[in-house]
Amino acid sequence: MIPRHKKSNERGAVLLTTLLLMTVMAAITVAIVDDIRLSIKRTMSIQAAEQLDWYMRGGEEFAGNWLQPNLSAERQPILSSYVKSGQAVVLPIEGGEISFSVRDGRNCYNLNQLSEPKTARITRAKFIKLLQLLEFDDFEAETIAASVQDWIDRDTAPTRGGAEDLTYTNLNPPYHPANTLMTDITELRAVQGITEDVYQRLTPFVCARQNEKAGKVNLNTLLPEQAPLLALEFGADDSLRAAQAVIAQRPVTGYEDIDTVWALEPVADLDLKGAGKDMVSLITDQVVVDIRVSFDGQVRAQSVLFSADGTVGAELISRRALP
């Protein structure tokens, strides 16, 4: 016969073993459930990100299709009205929305024109003038212009006040200047002397087009705050006041011809004798569409540049992510 105390000990051991097994099984179950929950969340996040990509592609297609019929000369006033309004067009989608903002892609100073060696002094002087119109002091304007030109031009000899290899290789970490055309305006932050404050002041007025040509500003889409771009083309004393007057006096439907603008009293007082007419336009041939997609708690934004010459329709030139 088995002693009573031994039977009691065995029953206690069985109970403890059972409780231990149940505890281990419960812990394993919780771990499995957490892993499943994390996997489901990860899968949903990936699906939402992929859906965002598709919505962004759809937004590009929609923007291109919308631009297509609005590129002709007779539809330019409609396109200009969207540019000047500054208001986003919002399309609701299931679980979010897509918004579109339209800007004239020509209303900026193309920094890549600084790379042309034959016109280096002229383009740098013009850029310095723009910086002065943006209220940079003379020394800062000359230093910024020289540094940007050294970053873009093909030689390795620093311009007075500029920076080339010797300056950049002594930084921590060291790097080399591009010595070629800028691919994107964000490249400015790598240029010597371009602080975050300077960058934020410059970006509304400059761009990096993939050519060395000086773009023509559109008199019918310039915003009041973009008056310095027009004043730069006037190139005379008190030109900023005249540029502000041109924008303020612009008819709702826009100017019909450039001669009308040069005949306005504030412009006529500058006595330009026709100078600058070849650097302005009344046609929008490049359009920037800022697309912002919100879906399932995620947000993605990008800026898309379309070429809009009115012959081949809206052709996508470039895209870049926005913060």
Protein backbone atom coordinates (compact mmCIF):
# COMPACT_ATOMS: atom_id res chain seq x y z
CA MET A 1 0.00 0.00 0.00
CA ILE A 2 1.16 3.56 -0.86
CA PRO A 3 1.46 5.92 2.07
CA ARG A 4 -1.11 8.71 2.17
CA HIS A 5 1.45 11.53 2.26
CA LYS A 6 3.13 10.15 -0.89
CA LYS A 7 -0.17 10.18 -2.81
CA SER A 8 -0.70 13.78 -1.72
CA ASN A 9 2.79 14.78 -2.93
CA GLU A 10 2.18 13.16 -6.31
CA ARG A 11 -1.11 14.99 -6.75
CA GLY A 12 0.64 18.29 -5.92
CA ALA A 13 3.39 17.58 -8.45
CA VAL A 14 0.81 16.84 -11.16
CA LEU A 15 -1.02 20.08 -10.35
CA LEU A 16 2.17 22.14 -10.49
CA THR A 17 3.19 20.49 -13.79
CA THR A 18 -0.25 21.18 -15.26
CA LEU A 19 -0.14 24.82 -14.17
CA LEU A 20 3.37 25.21 -15.59
CA LEU A 21 2.32 23.73 -18.94
CA MET A 22 -0.74 25.99 -19.07
CA THR A 23 1.42 29.01 -18.29
CA VAL A 24 3.90 28.13 -21.03
CA MET A 25 1.07 27.46 -23.52
CA ALA A 26 -0.59 30.77 -22.62
CA ALA A 27 2.70 32.64 -23.12
CA ILE A 28 3.24 30.92 -26.47
CA THR A 29 -0.34 31.73 -27.49
CA VAL A 30 0.09 35.40 -26.57
CA ALA A 31 3.35 35.54 -28.55
CA ILE A 32 1.70 33.92 -31.57
CA VAL A 33 -1.27 36.31 -31.39
CA ASP A 34 1.05 39.31 -31.10
CA ASP A 35 3.07 38.06 -34.06
CA ILE A 36 -0.11 37.56 -36.10
CA ARG A 37 -1.35 41.02 -35.10
CA LEU A 38 2.00 42.57 -36.11
CA SER A 39 2.02 40.67 -39.39
CA ILE A 40 -1.51 41.84 -40.18
CA LYS A 41 -0.57 45.44 -39.33
CA ARG A 42 2.59 45.21 -41.45
CA THR A 43 0.64 43.73 -44.36
CA MET A 44 -2.00 46.45 -44.11
CA SER A 45 0.69 49.12 -43.99
CA ILE A 46 2.39 47.68 -47.08
CA GLN A 47 -0.93 47.50 -48.89
CA ALA A 48 -1.72 51.10 -47.93
CA ALA A 49 1.72 52.22 -49.16
CA GLU A 50 1.20 50.39 -52.46
CA GLN A 51 -2.25 51.90 -52.74
CA LEU A 52 -0.72 55.34 -52.14
CA ASP A 53 1.65 54.71 -55.05
CA TRP A 54 -1.24 53.78 -57.31
CA TYR A 55 -3.22 56.83 -56.24
CA MET A 56 -0.15 59.00 -56.91
CA ARG A 57 0.21 57.49 -60.39
CA GLY A 58 -3.49 58.05 -60.94
CA GLY A 59 -3.04 61.64 -59.79
CA GLU A 60 -0.29 62.15 -62.37
CA GLU A 61 -2.50 60.70 -65.11
CA PHE A 62 -5.40 62.89 -64.03
CA ALA A 63 -3.21 66.01 -63.99
CA GLY A 64 -1.84 65.25 -67.45
CA ASN A 65 -5.31 64.60 -68.87
CA TRP A 66 -6.62 67.79 -67.27
CA LEU A 67 -3.77 69.85 -68.72
CA GLN A 68 -4.19 68.40 -72.20
CA PRO A 69 -7.21 70.53 -73.27
CA ASN A 70 -6.02 73.60 -71.35
CA LEU A 71 -2.78 74.20 -73.25
CA SER A 72 -4.14 75.93 -76.33
CA ALA A 73 -3.88 79.71 -76.63
CA GLU A 74 -7.62 80.20 -76.19
CA ARG A 75 -7.60 78.17 -72.95
CA GLN A 76 -4.60 79.94 -71.45
CA PRO A 77 -6.76 82.36 -69.38
CA ILE A 78 -8.41 79.36 -67.69
CA LEU A 79 -5.03 77.79 -66.91
CA SER A 80 -3.74 81.14 -65.65
CA SER A 81 -6.73 81.51 -63.33
CA TYR A 82 -5.92 78.18 -61.66
CA VAL A 83 -2.27 79.20 -61.26
CA LYS A 84 -3.13 82.60 -59.77
CA SER A 85 -5.81 81.26 -57.41
CA GLY A 86 -3.30 79.19 -55.46
CA GLN A 87 -6.17 77.01 -54.24
CA ALA A 88 -5.88 73.23 -54.28
CA VAL A 89 -8.42 71.10 -56.14
CA VAL A 90 -9.45 68.24 -53.83
CA LEU A 91 -10.83 64.92 -55.03
CA PRO A 92 -12.29 62.62 -52.35
CA ILE A 93 -11.36 58.93 -52.49
CA GLU A 94 -12.37 56.03 -50.30
CA GLY A 95 -10.34 56.37 -47.14
CA GLY A 96 -8.78 59.73 -48.01
CA GLU A 97 -8.36 62.43 -50.65
CA ILE A 98 -6.11 63.64 -53.48
CA SER A 99 -5.34 67.35 -53.80
CA PHE A 100 -3.78 69.18 -56.76
CA SER A 101 -2.10 72.60 -56.80
CA VAL A 102 -0.97 74.15 -60.10
CA ARG A 103 2.03 76.47 -60.55
CA ASP A 104 3.63 78.03 -63.59
CA GLY A 105 6.93 76.19 -64.08
CA ARG A 106 8.57 79.12 -65.87
CA ASN A 107 8.21 81.68 -63.11
CA CYS A 108 11.61 81.08 -61.56
CA TYR A 109 15.29 81.83 -62.14
CA ASN A 110 17.00 78.79 -63.68
CA LEU A 111 20.22 78.38 -61.69
CA ASN A 112 21.71 76.07 -64.32
CA GLN A 113 22.18 79.02 -66.68
CA LEU A 114 25.12 79.96 -64.43
CA SER A 115 27.08 77.04 -65.89
CA GLU A 116 27.51 78.58 -69.35
CA PRO A 117 31.12 79.87 -69.42
CA LYS A 118 30.58 82.39 -72.23
CA THR A 119 27.94 84.28 -70.25
CA ALA A 120 29.26 83.54 -66.76
CA ARG A 121 29.74 87.17 -65.71
CA ILE A 122 26.39 88.33 -67.11
CA THR A 123 24.35 85.52 -65.53
CA ARG A 124 26.13 85.90 -62.19
CA ALA A 125 25.49 89.65 -62.19
CA LYS A 126 21.82 88.98 -62.92
CA PHE A 127 21.61 86.44 -60.10
CA ILE A 128 23.25 88.93 -57.74
CA LYS A 129 20.60 91.48 -58.75
CA LEU A 130 17.85 88.96 -57.94
CA LEU A 131 19.38 88.30 -54.53
CA GLN A 132 19.50 92.03 -53.85
CA LEU A 133 15.83 92.32 -54.83
CA LEU A 134 15.18 89.56 -52.27
CA GLU A 135 16.84 91.83 -49.69
CA PHE A 136 20.18 90.06 -49.33
CA ASP A 137 22.97 92.54 -48.64
CA ASP A 138 25.55 93.14 -51.37
CA PHE A 139 28.34 91.03 -49.82
CA GLU A 140 26.03 88.09 -49.10
CA ALA A 141 24.51 88.29 -52.60
CA GLU A 142 27.93 88.22 -54.28
CA THR A 143 29.15 85.34 -52.10
CA ILE A 144 26.04 83.22 -52.69
CA ALA A 145 26.11 83.85 -56.44
CA ALA A 146 29.81 82.95 -56.69
CA SER A 147 29.38 79.76 -54.63
CA VAL A 148 26.38 78.58 -56.65
CA GLN A 149 28.18 79.27 -59.92
CA ASP A 150 31.29 77.39 -58.76
CA TRP A 151 29.09 74.43 -57.79
CA ILE A 152 27.53 74.28 -61.28
CA ASP A 153 30.31 75.33 -63.68
CA ARG A 154 32.66 72.76 -65.17
CA ASP A 155 35.99 74.20 -64.02
CA THR A 156 37.69 73.75 -60.65
CA ALA A 157 38.99 77.31 -60.29
CA PRO A 158 37.07 79.20 -57.59
CA THR A 159 35.41 82.49 -58.45
CA ARG A 160 36.21 85.37 -56.11
CA GLY A 161 34.06 84.75 -53.05
CA GLY A 162 33.10 81.28 -54.27
CA ALA A 163 34.09 77.74 -53.29
CA GLU A 164 35.58 74.75 -55.11
CA ASP A 165 37.27 71.45 -54.15
CA LEU A 166 39.61 72.91 -51.52
CA THR A 167 36.70 74.30 -49.52
CA TYR A 168 34.48 71.22 -49.67
CA THR A 169 37.18 68.61 -49.07
CA ASN A 170 38.10 70.36 -45.80
CA LEU A 171 34.57 69.90 -44.44
CA ASN A 172 33.51 67.05 -42.17
CA PRO A 173 32.47 64.87 -43.89
CA PRO A 174 34.38 66.00 -47.01
CA TYR A 175 32.81 65.97 -50.47
CA HIS A 176 33.32 67.47 -53.93
CA PRO A 177 31.26 70.12 -55.74
CA ALA A 178 29.09 68.78 -58.56
CA ASN A 179 30.71 70.83 -61.36
CA THR A 180 27.73 70.04 -63.54
CA LEU A 181 24.07 71.04 -63.85
CA MET A 182 21.94 70.75 -60.74
CA THR A 183 19.47 67.87 -60.92
CA ASP A 184 17.17 69.29 -58.26
CA ILE A 185 16.82 72.52 -56.35
CA THR A 186 17.41 70.70 -53.03
CA GLU A 187 21.04 70.36 -54.13
CA LEU A 188 21.41 73.98 -53.07
CA ARG A 189 21.73 72.89 -49.43
CA ALA A 190 25.10 71.32 -50.22
CA VAL A 191 26.50 74.60 -51.56
CA GLN A 192 28.85 76.57 -49.33
CA GLY A 193 27.03 79.43 -47.60
CA ILE A 194 23.50 78.17 -48.30
CA THR A 195 22.08 77.82 -44.80
CA GLU A 196 18.55 76.60 -44.14
CA ASP A 197 17.36 80.20 -43.79
CA VAL A 198 18.95 81.21 -47.11
CA TYR A 199 17.53 78.09 -48.77
CA GLN A 200 13.99 78.85 -47.60
CA ARG A 201 14.25 82.44 -48.86
CA LEU A 202 15.55 81.34 -52.25
CA THR A 203 13.42 78.32 -53.19
CA PRO A 204 10.23 80.23 -54.13
CA PHE A 205 12.22 82.14 -56.78
CA VAL A 206 14.77 79.69 -58.21
CA CYS A 207 14.65 76.34 -59.99
CA ALA A 208 17.00 73.82 -61.61
CA ARG A 209 15.86 73.03 -65.14
CA GLN A 210 17.82 70.47 -67.15
CA ASN A 211 19.21 73.04 -69.56
CA GLU A 212 21.27 76.22 -69.49
CA LYS A 213 18.56 78.50 -70.85
CA ALA A 214 17.08 81.48 -69.06
CA GLY A 215 13.33 80.95 -68.81
CA LYS A 216 10.74 83.56 -69.66
CA VAL A 217 8.46 84.69 -66.86
CA ASN A 218 4.73 84.71 -67.61
CA LEU A 219 3.17 88.14 -67.08
CA ASN A 220 -0.28 86.57 -66.72
CA THR A 221 0.58 84.07 -63.97
CA LEU A 222 3.08 85.94 -61.81
CA LEU A 223 1.92 86.16 -58.21
CA PRO A 224 2.36 89.40 -56.22
CA GLU A 225 5.17 87.87 -54.16
CA GLN A 226 6.99 86.93 -57.40
CA ALA A 227 7.39 90.57 -58.46
CA PRO A 228 11.21 90.39 -58.03
CA LEU A 229 11.36 87.97 -60.98
CA LEU A 230 9.75 90.55 -63.26
CA ALA A 231 11.77 93.39 -61.74
CA LEU A 232 14.89 91.42 -62.65
CA GLU A 233 13.90 91.49 -66.34
CA PHE A 234 13.24 95.24 -66.21
CA GLY A 235 16.78 95.71 -64.92
CA ALA A 236 16.37 99.34 -63.95
CA ASP A 237 16.21 101.45 -60.81
CA ASP A 238 12.84 101.30 -59.06
CA SER A 239 12.03 98.24 -61.18
CA LEU A 240 10.45 96.40 -58.23
CA ARG A 241 7.77 99.09 -57.86
CA ALA A 242 7.04 98.89 -61.58
CA ALA A 243 6.82 95.08 -61.45
CA GLN A 244 4.40 95.25 -58.52
CA ALA A 245 2.27 97.74 -60.49
CA VAL A 246 2.19 95.45 -63.55
CA ILE A 247 0.86 92.57 -61.45
CA ALA A 248 -1.59 94.77 -59.54
CA GLN A 249 -3.02 96.34 -62.74
CA ARG A 250 -3.30 93.07 -64.64
CA PRO A 251 -6.80 92.50 -66.08
CA VAL A 252 -8.78 89.51 -64.81
CA THR A 253 -8.40 87.80 -68.18
CA GLY A 254 -4.70 88.71 -68.37
CA TYR A 255 -2.72 90.94 -70.71
CA GLU A 256 -3.35 90.41 -74.43
CA ASP A 257 0.10 91.50 -75.58
CA ILE A 258 3.46 92.48 -74.13
CA ASP A 259 3.43 95.97 -75.69
CA THR A 260 0.47 96.83 -73.45
CA VAL A 261 2.61 96.12 -70.41
CA TRP A 262 5.54 98.20 -71.65
CA ALA A 263 3.11 101.07 -72.29
CA LEU A 264 1.91 101.15 -68.66
CA GLU A 265 3.03 104.33 -66.93
CA PRO A 266 5.20 102.67 -64.22
CA VAL A 267 7.05 100.68 -66.90
CA ALA A 268 7.23 103.54 -69.40
CA ASP A 269 8.83 105.70 -66.70
CA LEU A 270 11.72 103.23 -66.56
CA ASP A 271 12.57 104.17 -70.17
CA LEU A 272 13.51 100.58 -71.06
CA LYS A 273 13.31 101.18 -74.81
CA GLY A 274 12.01 97.65 -75.29
CA ALA A 275 14.72 95.98 -73.23
CA GLY A 276 13.51 92.86 -71.44
CA LYS A 277 10.62 92.10 -73.80
CA ASP A 278 12.33 88.95 -75.03
CA MET A 279 12.45 87.60 -71.47
CA VAL A 280 8.72 87.71 -70.74
CA SER A 281 5.82 85.74 -72.11
CA LEU A 282 2.04 85.43 -71.97
CA ILE A 283 1.98 81.66 -72.46
CA THR A 284 2.38 78.91 -69.89
CA ASP A 285 4.50 76.17 -71.45
CA GLN A 286 5.68 74.45 -68.27
CA VAL A 287 3.39 73.52 -65.42
CA VAL A 288 4.26 72.24 -61.96
CA VAL A 289 1.53 70.22 -60.27
CA ASP A 290 1.91 69.53 -56.55
CA ILE A 291 0.02 66.31 -55.78
CA ARG A 292 -0.80 65.31 -52.21
CA VAL A 293 -2.42 61.96 -51.42
CA SER A 294 -3.90 61.12 -48.00
CA PHE A 295 -5.00 57.51 -47.52
CA ASP A 296 -5.55 55.32 -44.48
CA GLY A 297 -3.64 57.67 -42.20
CA GLN A 298 -0.64 57.93 -44.54
CA VAL A 299 0.33 60.99 -46.56
CA ARG A 300 2.52 61.26 -49.63
CA ALA A 301 3.27 64.36 -51.69
CA GLN A 302 5.28 65.04 -54.80
CA SER A 303 5.89 67.81 -57.29
CA VAL A 304 5.49 66.90 -60.97
CA LEU A 305 6.79 69.03 -63.84
CA PHE A 306 4.91 68.86 -67.14
CA SER A 307 6.06 70.33 -70.41
CA ALA A 308 3.12 72.09 -71.99
CA ASP A 309 4.15 73.45 -75.36
CA GLY A 310 0.70 73.06 -76.90
CA THR A 311 1.81 70.69 -79.67
CA VAL A 312 2.40 67.31 -78.04
CA GLY A 313 0.20 67.95 -75.03
CA ALA A 314 1.27 67.52 -71.44
CA GLU A 315 4.52 65.58 -71.24
CA LEU A 316 5.83 64.52 -67.82
CA ILE A 317 9.38 65.83 -67.44
CA SER A 318 10.31 65.12 -63.84
CA ARG A 319 8.95 64.34 -60.41
CA ARG A 320 10.32 64.76 -56.90
CA ALA A 321 9.06 63.98 -53.44
CA LEU A 322 7.86 66.78 -51.19
CA PRO A 323 8.22 66.86 -47.40
